[in-house]
Amino acid sequence: MSVQDVAQLDPGPVGAASILFLEEAFRRGDHYFRELLDALPVAVYVTDADGRLIFFNEACITFAGRTPVLGSDHWCVTLRLLNPDGTLLPHDRCPMAIALKEDRVVRGVEAIAERPDGTRVPFIPYPTPLHDADGKLVGAVNMLVDITERKKAEEALRQLNEMLEQRIEARTKQMAEAYERLRQSERRFRLLVGSVVDYAIIMLDEKGCVANWNAGAERIKGYTSEEIIGQHFSIFYTPEDRAADVPARVLKSVRRDGRYEAESWRVRKGGQRFWANVVIDAVRDDRGEIVGYAKVTRDFTERRKAEQALIESERLARGIINTALDAFVQWDQGGLVREWNTQAEAIFGWTREEAIGKPIADLLLPPDGRATFQAEFARFAAGGQTALLGHRLQMEAMRRDGARITVELAATALPRGDGFAFNGFIRDLTDKIVAEAAQRQALKMEAVGQLTGGIAHDFNNLLAAIIPSLELAKLKLGDNPTSKYLDSALRAAERGASLTRQLLSFARKQELAIERVDVNRLIESIGEMLPRTLGPAARIETQLAADTGATLSDPNQLELAILNLAINARDAMPDGGVLTIATAALDAETAHERWQLIGGDYIMIAVSDTGQGMTDEVRSRAFEPFYTTKGIGKGSGLGLSMVYGFVQQSGGSIAIESAIGHGTTVRLFLPRA
């Protein structure tokens, strides 16, 4: 609806002055005001004092279901109006007619408009009388608000109504005052958006200087209109952004694309920073030339804090999950992995990227256990119960490489959306089982040692009386033929004494003659006599590390221990083979991480053979006194037990690695001097 359209109306004898007044008002109105009314989503129309239609916006056509006729009397007469209860509303009692007749604003009346096609639109009219500078009624403006979506749009419509009231009031005051004292566009814009406090609405001229400023801008940025009007908008940018010429690049982007939108730091009066959402649109005249910019800023500092807090919370949760000693796995009702921490990667071998979205059972369990696992959780999700939740269960799992391990699973169900997510904490029990087995073995060996030491001690006391008595009896008898029986008894007693020494060595009750021993040199000296001791069937190799160093030990007992291991290795290779003696220096970190040794640096002596190997049962009992797999008369079963006792008494440790058909390696770990 243009000024020319208004001018072509037949004003009649009564409304001529009113139309001329309104025509002047529209003529003095700017391009933005008309565009604003046409852009409004609500119907707005204007009549003269006699109720004749002189202006309507585009929304009126949609509201009425047809195009209104300019100059018609009381345009609302062309619509069938109903009260909210459905009864007919007489046109002389419609809000617009009352506003003109009684020269007053009518508010709070709801009505129903019936379109030509029969559809009904519930609405609220907002008729407002218009007066000239002398206070004479010249017409009225009415806004018809469709309240079909009232629940959703009520607040927006209220704000729009307030802005329109302010706009109309500002226009009325401008007609009473001197229009030349104020720049029209600035005044109209300020009154239009002045009540909006959640948005900083700023008009910039073509150079980027502030031309208008609303209350929201004053609240958010801290400047009054008097302080900021005429200042370049770059004042709101951070020093680093200004140094990088960001404001100029922003205006260049708006000129090129018509709009700019971003979130970044901005600066309030006084230098305080806030996180802002900024939208800048180019404002063009009728020829399409840019005459300024409309800038809307929202303070998103609190929202950003909330987002950052959420991100930090998620990061913290991720950090806790990833630093957990147990594997953490989360999966949904369909059994698909949703979360997978670094410990799960370490235990099972699947990376997080590989695991996410894969079936949980396929990643954790051997094939023979997957169906039962999936069925249990599916039954719980369907409303049943499962023994897999709320308990710590020991179960068999499988790594990516196919190795089976024993794990402990603690799973819980977490309600999520319309279903459940399952959280599982998984602990690899492999090391624990090994440690417990080692502890049981150590306790068993300790008990056996105590028993053996007690027996050997008592036996040694008996021999201490028997051997001297036999020797005295032999001296008394001289060359008597019966002395040969004493010789046999004496040899048997001496073998018993040797046996008790070995038992005491196992029980760690044999005193050691401690001195500094160069391990490599000791092995080299042993290597000279080993060929004669072991025979030609065994080929002997040595692999001695150059930096092995020395240990504090009994050299005779260490030599005897190595000889015992070499003889056992020879016996395990009846058809010949290779005997290897190797040394290595272990720093404290390597000793602890690889061999679970504590107390500092160690020297490792490894005696390996290529013989028959041991079963797990034989290996577990190898250090027990009198336990042997050799035939009768081929071994006492005290060789390894003596080595075990000597190493333990020296403050070291011993370990056996063996497998049937793959030989045996016995490692001695002695503290490094």
Foldseek 3Di string as FASTA:
>chain_A
DALVQLVPADQPPPQPVLSVQVSVLRVPDDPVVLVVQQPDCWWKWKDWLQQFTRDIHPNVCVVQVHDFDGRDHNSCVVWFKAAPVGHGDDSCRDQQNCCSVVVAWDFDGWIWTQHPVGDIFIWTKTKHFAAALVRHTTIIMIITGGCPVVVVCVVVVVLQVQLVVQLRVQSRVCRNDPVVVDDVVQSSVQSNCQPDQQKWKFKFFPVQATQHTHNNNCVVQVDDCVRRHRHHPCQFADPVCVVVVVVVVQSVVCVVPQKDWDWDWTAHPVGDIFIKTKMKGFDADPVRHGGIIIMMIGGCRVVVVVVVVVVVVVVVVLVCQQPDQWWKWKAFLVQATQATHPNNCVPAVADRVRRGGDRPLVRWADPVCSVVVSVQSNQVFVPHHHPQEPDWDWDWTAHPVGDIFIKTWYKHWDDDDPTTMIMITIGTCRVVVVVVLVVVLVVVLLVLLVVLLVVLVVLLVVLVVVLVVLVVVLVVCPPDPCNVVSVVVNVVSVVSNVVSLLSCLLSLNHDAPWDKDFVVVLVVVLVVCVCVVLDDQEAEEEAEDPPQAIFTGRSVLVSLLVSLLSNVQSVQAVRGWYKYWYKDKAFQVCCCPPVVDHDTIKMKIKIWIQGFWDDPVCQSCLLRFQDDPDDPPPDRSSNNSSSQSRLVSQVWHWDKDTDGRGTIMIMRIHDHD
